[in-house]
């Protein structure tokens, strides 16, 4: 029986899975068959907490659970006091570009920053205000200023001086402008100037498109752009650690969209950026940063368009030659996700039935024998071996429960007999025919 599940989590789980996406919260309640992967995540987070940095590539077929693993990683990381953020690669979000697509990825990451008290994202303002409170308290203590007086206007310069001192200590690139913007945020925070605070957040999120506008609003010389956004992420990582957090976890999903970049030169530039991040993390040039990429086998292994087309990455990401399906190495940079078994899917369906009933405050007449019959029907359909994914099994199962919930007494056998299998995978193979530009 599932315990300690909150109504909000139950609703998120059911609504998201029916929509074919991974829920943002509550994934720990529906985890089955991934104990080795979870142990690997816990060990990696412990290393990052101790000052190391790393990059992991989670590789699996469409619907194999890559996004689920990233969300589960979030849940574990938040409990260990990491700041986490998620973003998807899209045609308009990528690591390298000269037309704003890199900055767009950065903005998506910053928008989705989460902490344990705000697990659904949007936590940057909370973090900034928490850090400023820490600076204010420290300034009061160091200067023997009563807490009742530290927020007075005459103390503002002293606090701003401490803010810049802290920023200078933790930033390598772009520290002056970063510090200036943070001081403007503090000024808006103290004076209750929502416009100034909003402009500072706009800069920190990479939403200014011209230096002129940023200079007029905030008095800074630079803006966050395609060339410097990664340095800014590293600055944020150091800031979070200085506040007492364990580190910064960034999850980047849908990496197949890098594989889909049609221009060979641009695709290679993005892979070069991955190599740069990889080397930074494993050579100790950055601390407390954990970056995860999730993608398909084509994204990794394709010799013409995938990561293996870039020789420096191929040599780093080739699988441990001693690994087998039964003997896994979860310490290597690439972790291949194997399909969960039918027995594990059965356990998952039982959990989902319980959460479904809890969410709708009902008890659908669908027992273990019905679940076994559902699985027998769906796994024996033509095309199941080739096209069926856990995502489709879950969605069909929840759709049947929804029909029975809204139509009590409807013939379960009829519903099970109408199950069909369709190929819902993206047709990435067509990309092999795209002419290189």
Protein backbone atom coordinates (compact mmCIF):
# COMPACT_ATOMS: atom_id res chain seq x y z
CA UNK A 1 0.00 0.00 0.00
CA UNK A 2 1.24 3.48 -0.92
CA UNK A 3 1.75 5.74 2.10
CA UNK A 4 2.61 9.41 2.58
CA UNK A 5 1.33 10.45 -0.84
CA UNK A 6 -0.16 13.93 -0.92
CA UNK A 7 -3.37 14.67 -2.86
CA UNK A 8 -1.42 17.15 -5.03
CA UNK A 9 1.08 14.42 -5.92
CA UNK A 10 -1.68 11.94 -6.77
CA UNK A 11 -3.35 14.44 -9.10
CA UNK A 12 -0.03 15.31 -10.75
CA UNK A 13 0.80 11.63 -11.31
CA UNK A 14 -2.56 10.70 -12.86
CA UNK A 15 -3.00 13.81 -15.02
CA UNK A 16 0.59 13.76 -16.31
CA UNK A 17 0.66 10.05 -17.15
CA UNK A 18 -2.68 10.25 -18.95
CA UNK A 19 -1.12 13.07 -20.99
CA UNK A 20 1.89 10.89 -21.78
CA UNK A 21 4.41 12.92 -19.78
CA UNK A 22 6.32 12.36 -16.55
CA UNK A 23 4.82 14.08 -13.47
CA UNK A 24 6.91 16.88 -11.98
CA UNK A 25 6.22 15.72 -8.44
CA UNK A 26 5.49 12.36 -6.82
CA UNK A 27 7.56 10.11 -9.10
CA UNK A 28 9.03 8.32 -6.06
CA UNK A 29 5.60 6.75 -5.48
CA UNK A 30 5.59 4.98 -8.87
CA UNK A 31 9.21 3.87 -9.09
CA UNK A 32 9.74 0.19 -9.90
CA UNK A 33 12.73 -1.77 -11.15
CA UNK A 34 15.30 1.02 -11.04
CA UNK A 35 17.09 0.32 -7.76
CA UNK A 36 20.55 0.07 -9.39
CA UNK A 37 20.06 3.36 -11.21
CA UNK A 38 18.83 5.04 -8.00
CA UNK A 39 21.87 3.77 -6.10
CA UNK A 40 24.10 5.18 -8.85
CA UNK A 41 22.35 8.55 -8.56
CA UNK A 42 22.73 8.62 -4.78
CA UNK A 43 26.45 7.81 -5.05
CA UNK A 44 26.97 10.47 -7.73
CA UNK A 45 25.16 13.12 -5.69
CA UNK A 46 27.33 12.29 -2.69
CA UNK A 47 30.46 12.89 -4.80
CA UNK A 48 29.09 16.19 -6.10
CA UNK A 49 28.17 17.26 -2.57
CA UNK A 50 31.81 16.69 -1.64
CA UNK A 51 33.05 19.12 -4.29
CA UNK A 52 33.33 16.99 -7.42
CA UNK A 53 31.41 17.62 -10.64
CA UNK A 54 30.19 15.18 -13.24
CA UNK A 55 28.25 14.61 -16.44
CA UNK A 56 25.99 11.61 -17.07
CA UNK A 57 24.27 10.48 -20.26
CA UNK A 58 21.04 8.51 -19.77
CA UNK A 59 20.47 6.55 -22.97
CA UNK A 60 17.42 4.52 -23.93
CA UNK A 61 14.83 3.91 -26.61
CA UNK A 62 11.76 6.12 -26.97
CA UNK A 63 9.47 5.60 -23.97
CA UNK A 64 12.08 3.62 -22.00
CA UNK A 65 12.01 5.91 -18.96
CA UNK A 66 14.72 8.52 -19.57
CA UNK A 67 12.56 11.46 -18.53
CA UNK A 68 11.26 9.44 -15.57
CA UNK A 69 14.82 8.85 -14.35
CA UNK A 70 15.61 12.57 -14.57
CA UNK A 71 12.52 13.45 -12.53
CA UNK A 72 13.39 10.76 -10.00
CA UNK A 73 16.91 12.18 -9.82
CA UNK A 74 15.33 15.56 -9.06
CA UNK A 75 13.37 14.11 -6.16
CA UNK A 76 16.47 12.50 -4.65
CA UNK A 77 18.60 15.62 -5.21
CA UNK A 78 16.05 17.97 -3.62
CA UNK A 79 15.97 15.82 -0.49
CA UNK A 80 19.76 16.09 -0.32
CA UNK A 81 19.51 19.90 -0.47
CA UNK A 82 20.58 20.43 -4.06
CA UNK A 83 19.23 23.17 -6.28
CA UNK A 84 17.87 21.46 -9.41
CA UNK A 85 16.70 22.62 -12.82
CA UNK A 86 15.23 20.91 -15.86
CA UNK A 87 15.10 21.97 -19.49
CA UNK A 88 14.40 20.29 -22.82
CA UNK A 89 16.40 20.69 -25.99
CA UNK A 90 14.13 21.92 -28.77
CA UNK A 91 14.71 23.36 -32.25
CA UNK A 92 14.99 26.74 -30.47
CA UNK A 93 16.99 25.61 -27.39
CA UNK A 94 20.51 24.30 -27.80
CA UNK A 95 23.95 24.50 -26.23
CA UNK A 96 25.69 26.45 -28.97
CA UNK A 97 24.27 29.05 -31.32
CA UNK A 98 24.83 32.55 -32.62
CA UNK A 99 21.17 33.57 -32.79
CA UNK A 100 19.92 33.32 -29.21
CA UNK A 101 19.18 29.58 -28.99
CA UNK A 102 21.87 29.07 -26.33
CA UNK A 103 20.46 31.91 -24.25
CA UNK A 104 16.97 30.41 -24.69
CA UNK A 105 18.22 27.15 -23.16
CA UNK A 106 19.80 29.10 -20.29
CA UNK A 107 16.51 30.98 -19.67
CA UNK A 108 14.60 27.68 -19.58
CA UNK A 109 17.06 26.31 -17.01
CA UNK A 110 16.83 29.39 -14.78
CA UNK A 111 13.02 29.52 -15.06
CA UNK A 112 12.81 25.91 -13.85
CA UNK A 113 15.15 26.21 -10.85
CA UNK A 114 13.65 24.26 -7.95
CA UNK A 115 14.41 23.72 -4.26
CA UNK A 116 12.74 21.42 -1.77
CA UNK A 117 10.20 24.03 -0.70
CA UNK A 118 9.43 24.88 -4.35
CA UNK A 119 9.83 21.55 -6.19
CA UNK A 120 7.84 22.63 -9.25
CA UNK A 121 10.29 25.37 -10.25
CA UNK A 122 10.31 29.16 -10.24
CA UNK A 123 12.52 29.26 -7.14
CA UNK A 124 15.07 31.88 -8.25
CA UNK A 125 13.39 34.84 -6.46
CA UNK A 126 13.11 32.75 -3.28
CA UNK A 127 16.80 31.84 -3.48
CA UNK A 128 17.88 35.43 -4.12
CA UNK A 129 15.89 36.73 -1.16
CA UNK A 130 17.17 33.95 1.07
CA UNK A 131 20.75 34.78 0.14
CA UNK A 132 20.19 38.49 0.76
CA UNK A 133 18.78 37.73 4.20
CA UNK A 134 21.98 35.80 4.90
CA UNK A 135 24.12 38.76 3.78
CA UNK A 136 22.02 41.18 5.86
CA UNK A 137 22.35 39.00 8.98
CA UNK A 138 26.09 38.56 8.44
CA UNK A 139 26.58 42.32 7.94
CA UNK A 140 24.65 43.08 11.12
CA UNK A 141 26.72 40.57 13.08
CA UNK A 142 30.10 41.76 11.75
CA UNK A 143 29.30 45.43 12.41
CA UNK A 144 27.38 45.04 15.70
CA UNK A 145 24.29 46.61 14.14
CA UNK A 146 20.96 45.69 15.76
CA UNK A 147 18.68 43.60 13.57
CA UNK A 148 16.03 46.29 13.99
CA UNK A 149 18.32 48.86 12.32
CA UNK A 150 20.16 46.83 9.67
CA UNK A 151 17.49 47.46 7.03
CA UNK A 152 17.61 51.24 7.42
CA UNK A 153 18.72 53.32 4.40
CA UNK A 154 22.02 54.29 6.04
CA UNK A 155 23.07 50.61 6.13
CA UNK A 156 22.36 50.00 2.46
CA UNK A 157 25.85 50.88 1.23
CA UNK A 158 27.44 48.61 3.81
CA UNK A 159 25.26 45.68 2.73
CA UNK A 160 25.85 46.38 -0.95
CA UNK A 161 29.58 46.35 -0.28
CA UNK A 162 29.24 42.92 1.33
CA UNK A 163 27.13 41.68 -1.59
CA UNK A 164 29.82 42.69 -4.09
CA UNK A 165 32.56 41.23 -1.87
CA UNK A 166 30.75 37.88 -1.82
CA UNK A 167 30.07 37.96 -5.57
CA UNK A 168 33.72 38.75 -6.34
CA UNK A 169 34.80 35.82 -4.21
CA UNK A 170 32.62 33.27 -6.02
CA UNK A 171 32.64 34.47 -9.65
CA UNK A 172 35.30 34.08 -12.31
CA UNK A 173 33.64 35.56 -15.41
CA UNK A 174 31.06 38.35 -15.51
CA UNK A 175 31.26 38.92 -11.78
CA UNK A 176 31.04 42.73 -11.87
CA UNK A 177 27.79 42.86 -13.84
CA UNK A 178 26.39 39.90 -11.93
CA UNK A 179 27.15 41.70 -8.67
CA UNK A 180 25.71 44.99 -9.92
CA UNK A 181 22.44 43.29 -10.86
CA UNK A 182 22.24 41.48 -7.53
CA UNK A 183 22.73 44.82 -5.74
CA UNK A 184 19.91 46.30 -7.82
CA UNK A 185 17.75 43.36 -6.79
CA UNK A 186 18.65 44.06 -3.15
CA UNK A 187 17.78 47.73 -3.61
CA UNK A 188 14.39 46.74 -5.03
CA UNK A 189 13.98 44.22 -2.22
CA UNK A 190 14.65 46.79 0.54
CA UNK A 191 12.73 49.66 -1.06
CA UNK A 192 9.87 47.41 -2.17
CA UNK A 193 10.49 48.57 -5.76
CA UNK A 194 8.86 45.78 -7.76
CA UNK A 195 9.95 47.26 -11.10
CA UNK A 196 13.65 47.30 -10.15
CA UNK A 197 13.45 43.80 -8.74
CA UNK A 198 11.69 42.57 -11.90
CA UNK A 199 14.37 44.13 -14.14
CA UNK A 200 17.12 42.47 -12.09
CA UNK A 201 15.41 39.10 -12.44
CA UNK A 202 14.97 39.74 -16.16
CA UNK A 203 18.74 40.17 -16.48
CA UNK A 204 19.54 37.13 -14.34
CA UNK A 205 17.19 35.02 -16.49
CA UNK A 206 18.92 36.13 -19.70
CA UNK A 207 15.83 37.92 -21.02
CA UNK A 208 17.48 41.20 -22.07
CA UNK A 209 18.18 41.20 -25.81
CA UNK A 210 20.17 44.45 -26.05
CA UNK A 211 22.93 45.95 -23.92
CA UNK A 212 21.37 49.40 -24.34
CA UNK A 213 18.13 48.38 -22.65
CA UNK A 214 19.98 46.65 -19.81
CA UNK A 215 22.22 49.69 -19.28
CA UNK A 216 19.21 52.01 -19.12
CA UNK A 217 17.38 49.80 -16.62
CA UNK A 218 20.24 48.55 -14.46
CA UNK A 219 23.45 50.39 -15.37
CA UNK A 220 25.31 47.24 -16.50
CA UNK A 221 27.66 46.89 -19.46
CA UNK A 222 26.88 43.33 -20.52
CA UNK A 223 23.94 40.96 -20.89
CA UNK A 224 23.76 37.18 -20.72
CA UNK A 225 24.17 35.80 -24.23
CA UNK A 226 25.04 32.69 -26.24
CA UNK A 227 28.74 33.07 -25.45
CA UNK A 228 28.68 33.62 -21.68
CA UNK A 229 25.56 31.82 -20.36
CA UNK A 230 27.53 28.71 -19.28
CA UNK A 231 29.84 30.91 -17.16
CA UNK A 232 26.73 32.38 -15.55
CA UNK A 233 25.44 28.89 -14.71
CA UNK A 234 28.76 28.18 -13.00
CA UNK A 235 28.44 31.47 -11.08
CA UNK A 236 24.98 30.44 -9.90
CA UNK A 237 26.35 27.06 -8.83
CA UNK A 238 28.97 28.76 -6.63
CA UNK A 239 26.35 31.13 -5.24
CA UNK A 240 24.05 28.27 -4.28
CA UNK A 241 26.89 26.42 -2.55
CA UNK A 242 27.87 29.61 -0.66
CA UNK A 243 24.28 29.72 0.63
CA UNK A 244 24.61 26.23 2.10
CA UNK A 245 23.16 24.11 -0.71
CA UNK A 246 24.89 20.89 -1.73
CA UNK A 247 25.32 21.87 -5.38
CA UNK A 248 23.50 22.49 -8.66
CA UNK A 249 21.89 19.67 -10.68
CA UNK A 250 20.91 20.47 -14.29
CA UNK A 251 18.89 17.94 -16.29
CA UNK A 252 18.73 18.34 -20.07
CA UNK A 253 16.17 16.12 -21.80
CA UNK A 254 15.28 15.46 -25.46
CA UNK A 255 18.91 15.52 -26.60
CA UNK A 256 17.72 13.93 -29.84
CA UNK A 257 17.07 17.54 -30.93
CA UNK A 258 20.83 18.09 -31.12
CA UNK A 259 21.09 15.02 -33.35
CA UNK A 260 18.39 16.55 -35.54
CA UNK A 261 20.34 19.76 -36.26
CA UNK A 262 20.64 19.62 -40.05
CA UNK A 263 23.80 21.67 -40.45
CA UNK A 264 26.86 19.53 -39.77
CA UNK A 265 28.98 22.48 -38.61
CA UNK A 266 26.34 23.67 -36.12
CA UNK A 267 25.76 20.14 -34.83
CA UNK A 268 29.50 19.72 -34.28
CA UNK A 269 29.68 23.04 -32.41
CA UNK A 270 27.00 21.76 -30.01
CA UNK A 271 28.93 18.52 -29.47
CA UNK A 272 32.05 20.60 -28.91
CA UNK A 273 30.17 22.44 -26.14
CA UNK A 274 29.24 19.10 -24.56
CA UNK A 275 32.92 18.13 -24.66
CA UNK A 276 33.89 21.42 -23.00
CA UNK A 277 31.33 20.88 -20.20
CA UNK A 278 32.44 17.24 -19.83
CA UNK A 279 36.10 18.23 -19.51
CA UNK A 280 35.29 21.04 -17.04
CA UNK A 281 33.45 18.63 -14.77
CA UNK A 282 35.85 15.70 -14.86
CA UNK A 283 39.05 17.75 -14.80
CA UNK A 284 37.99 19.60 -11.65
CA UNK A 285 37.61 23.04 -13.28
CA UNK A 286 34.19 23.41 -11.69
CA UNK A 287 32.83 22.14 -8.37
CA UNK A 288 29.44 20.91 -7.12
CA UNK A 289 27.88 20.80 -10.61
CA UNK A 290 26.03 17.73 -11.94
CA UNK A 291 24.74 17.83 -15.51
CA UNK A 292 22.59 15.05 -17.00
CA UNK A 293 21.75 14.51 -20.66
CA UNK A 294 18.93 12.18 -21.73
CA UNK A 295 18.78 10.88 -25.29
CA UNK A 296 18.20 7.93 -27.57
CA UNK A 297 20.76 5.44 -28.85
CA UNK A 298 20.83 7.30 -32.16
CA UNK A 299 21.85 10.50 -30.37
CA UNK A 300 24.77 8.66 -28.78
CA UNK A 301 25.88 6.01 -31.25
CA UNK A 302 25.14 7.25 -34.75
CA UNK A 303 28.54 7.63 -36.41
CA UNK A 304 27.35 10.30 -38.82
CA UNK A 305 25.07 12.51 -36.72
CA UNK A 306 25.33 11.38 -33.09
CA UNK A 307 27.89 12.03 -30.36
CA UNK A 308 30.03 9.24 -31.78
CA UNK A 309 30.49 11.35 -34.94
CA UNK A 310 32.69 13.59 -32.77
CA UNK A 311 35.79 11.53 -32.12
CA UNK A 312 36.82 13.22 -28.87
CA UNK A 313 33.41 12.39 -27.38
CA UNK A 314 33.34 8.86 -28.78
CA UNK A 315 36.57 7.96 -27.01
CA UNK A 316 35.15 9.26 -23.72
CA UNK A 317 31.67 7.75 -23.99
CA UNK A 318 32.24 4.25 -25.35
CA UNK A 319 30.75 1.59 -23.09
CA UNK A 320 32.94 -0.32 -20.66
CA UNK A 321 33.94 -3.33 -22.75
CA UNK A 322 33.54 -5.63 -19.74
CA UNK A 323 29.90 -4.66 -19.17
CA UNK A 324 27.12 -7.11 -20.06
CA UNK A 325 23.34 -7.10 -19.60
CA UNK A 326 23.86 -8.96 -16.33
CA UNK A 327 27.01 -7.17 -15.16
CA UNK A 328 26.48 -3.40 -15.24
CA UNK A 329 28.84 -0.49 -14.62
CA UNK A 330 26.89 2.48 -13.27
CA UNK A 331 30.03 4.52 -12.56
CA UNK A 332 30.72 5.21 -16.24
CA UNK A 333 29.45 8.42 -17.90
CA UNK A 334 26.90 6.61 -20.07
CA UNK A 335 24.10 4.67 -18.36
CA UNK A 336 21.92 2.64 -20.71
CA UNK A 337 18.37 2.13 -19.50
CA UNK A 338 17.13 -1.42 -19.97
CA UNK A 339 13.36 -2.00 -20.31
CA UNK A 340 11.52 -2.82 -17.10
CA UNK A 341 10.18 -6.38 -16.92
CA UNK A 342 6.56 -7.48 -17.21
CA UNK A 343 6.57 -8.32 -13.50
CA UNK A 344 7.72 -4.78 -12.70
CA UNK A 345 5.04 -3.32 -14.98
CA UNK A 346 2.41 -5.35 -13.09
CA UNK A 347 3.63 -3.87 -9.79
CA UNK A 348 3.53 -0.41 -11.36
CA UNK A 349 -0.06 -0.88 -12.55
CA UNK A 350 -1.12 -1.92 -9.04
CA UNK A 351 0.43 1.26 -7.65
CA UNK A 352 -1.28 3.36 -10.30
CA UNK A 353 -4.66 1.79 -9.57
CA UNK A 354 -4.25 2.70 -5.90
CA UNK A 355 -3.23 6.29 -6.72
CA UNK A 356 -6.08 6.57 -9.25
CA UNK A 357 -8.65 5.53 -6.64
CA UNK A 358 -7.13 7.90 -4.10
CA UNK A 359 -7.16 10.81 -6.54
CA UNK A 360 -10.79 10.34 -7.57
CA UNK A 361 -11.96 9.13 -4.13
CA UNK A 362 -13.40 6.00 -5.70
CA UNK A 363 -12.67 2.28 -5.95
CA UNK A 364 -12.79 0.99 -9.51
CA UNK A 365 -13.72 -2.66 -9.89
CA UNK A 366 -10.47 -3.76 -11.54
CA UNK A 367 -8.58 -6.43 -9.59
CA UNK A 368 -5.30 -8.30 -10.08
CA UNK A 369 -6.90 -10.80 -12.47
CA UNK A 370 -8.20 -7.92 -14.59
CA UNK A 371 -4.71 -6.38 -14.65
CA UNK A 372 -3.20 -9.70 -15.70
CA UNK A 373 -5.79 -9.95 -18.48
CA UNK A 374 -5.04 -6.35 -19.56
CA UNK A 375 -1.32 -7.12 -19.76
CA UNK A 376 -1.93 -10.35 -21.68
CA UNK A 377 -4.10 -8.50 -24.19
CA UNK A 378 -1.76 -5.57 -24.73
CA UNK A 379 1.50 -7.54 -24.88
CA UNK A 380 0.08 -10.13 -27.31
CA UNK A 381 -1.26 -7.61 -29.83
CA UNK A 382 0.43 -7.47 -33.26
CA UNK A 383 3.25 -4.93 -33.15
CA UNK A 384 3.64 -5.03 -29.37
CA UNK A 385 7.19 -6.39 -29.46
CA UNK A 386 8.33 -3.65 -31.81
CA UNK A 387 6.31 -0.61 -30.81
CA UNK A 388 4.94 -1.00 -27.27
CA UNK A 389 6.53 1.15 -24.56
CA UNK A 390 5.79 1.46 -20.82
CA UNK A 391 4.40 4.92 -21.56
CA UNK A 392 1.69 3.47 -23.83
CA UNK A 393 0.88 0.62 -21.42
CA UNK A 394 0.39 3.12 -18.60
CA UNK A 395 -1.71 5.50 -20.68
CA UNK A 396 -3.99 2.72 -21.99
CA UNK A 397 -4.40 1.37 -18.45
CA UNK A 398 -5.37 4.76 -17.01
CA UNK A 399 -7.69 5.47 -19.95
CA UNK A 400 -9.55 2.22 -19.23
CA UNK A 401 -9.84 3.13 -15.55
CA UNK A 402 -11.23 6.52 -16.54
CA UNK A 403 -13.91 4.92 -18.75
CA UNK A 404 -14.91 2.58 -15.91
CA UNK A 405 -14.94 5.45 -13.40
CA UNK A 406 -17.28 7.53 -15.52
CA UNK A 407 -19.35 4.59 -16.81
CA UNK A 408 -19.87 2.17 -13.90
CA UNK A 409 -20.91 -1.28 -15.07
CA UNK A 410 -19.36 -0.93 -18.52
CA UNK A 411 -18.11 -4.26 -19.92
CA UNK A 412 -14.40 -4.54 -19.01
CA UNK A 413 -13.93 -7.38 -21.49
CA UNK A 414 -15.11 -5.15 -24.33
CA UNK A 415 -12.63 -2.44 -23.37
CA UNK A 416 -9.76 -4.91 -23.19
CA UNK A 417 -10.70 -6.34 -26.57
CA UNK A 418 -10.45 -2.91 -28.19
CA UNK A 419 -6.79 -2.34 -27.25
CA UNK A 420 -4.68 -1.43 -30.27
CA UNK A 421 -0.95 -0.94 -30.74
CA UNK A 422 0.40 1.97 -32.80
CA UNK A 423 3.92 3.14 -33.53
CA UNK A 424 4.20 6.47 -31.70
CA UNK A 425 7.95 6.77 -31.89
CA UNK A 426 9.34 9.85 -33.65
CA UNK A 427 10.59 8.85 -37.08
CA UNK A 428 14.21 9.83 -36.54
CA UNK A 429 15.32 7.36 -39.18
CA UNK A 430 14.06 9.78 -41.80
CA UNK A 431 16.81 12.12 -40.77
CA UNK A 432 19.36 9.85 -42.40
CA UNK A 433 18.03 11.02 -45.73
CA UNK A 434 18.31 14.72 -44.96
CA UNK A 435 20.93 16.34 -47.13
CA UNK A 436 23.78 17.91 -45.18
CA UNK A 437 23.76 21.67 -45.60
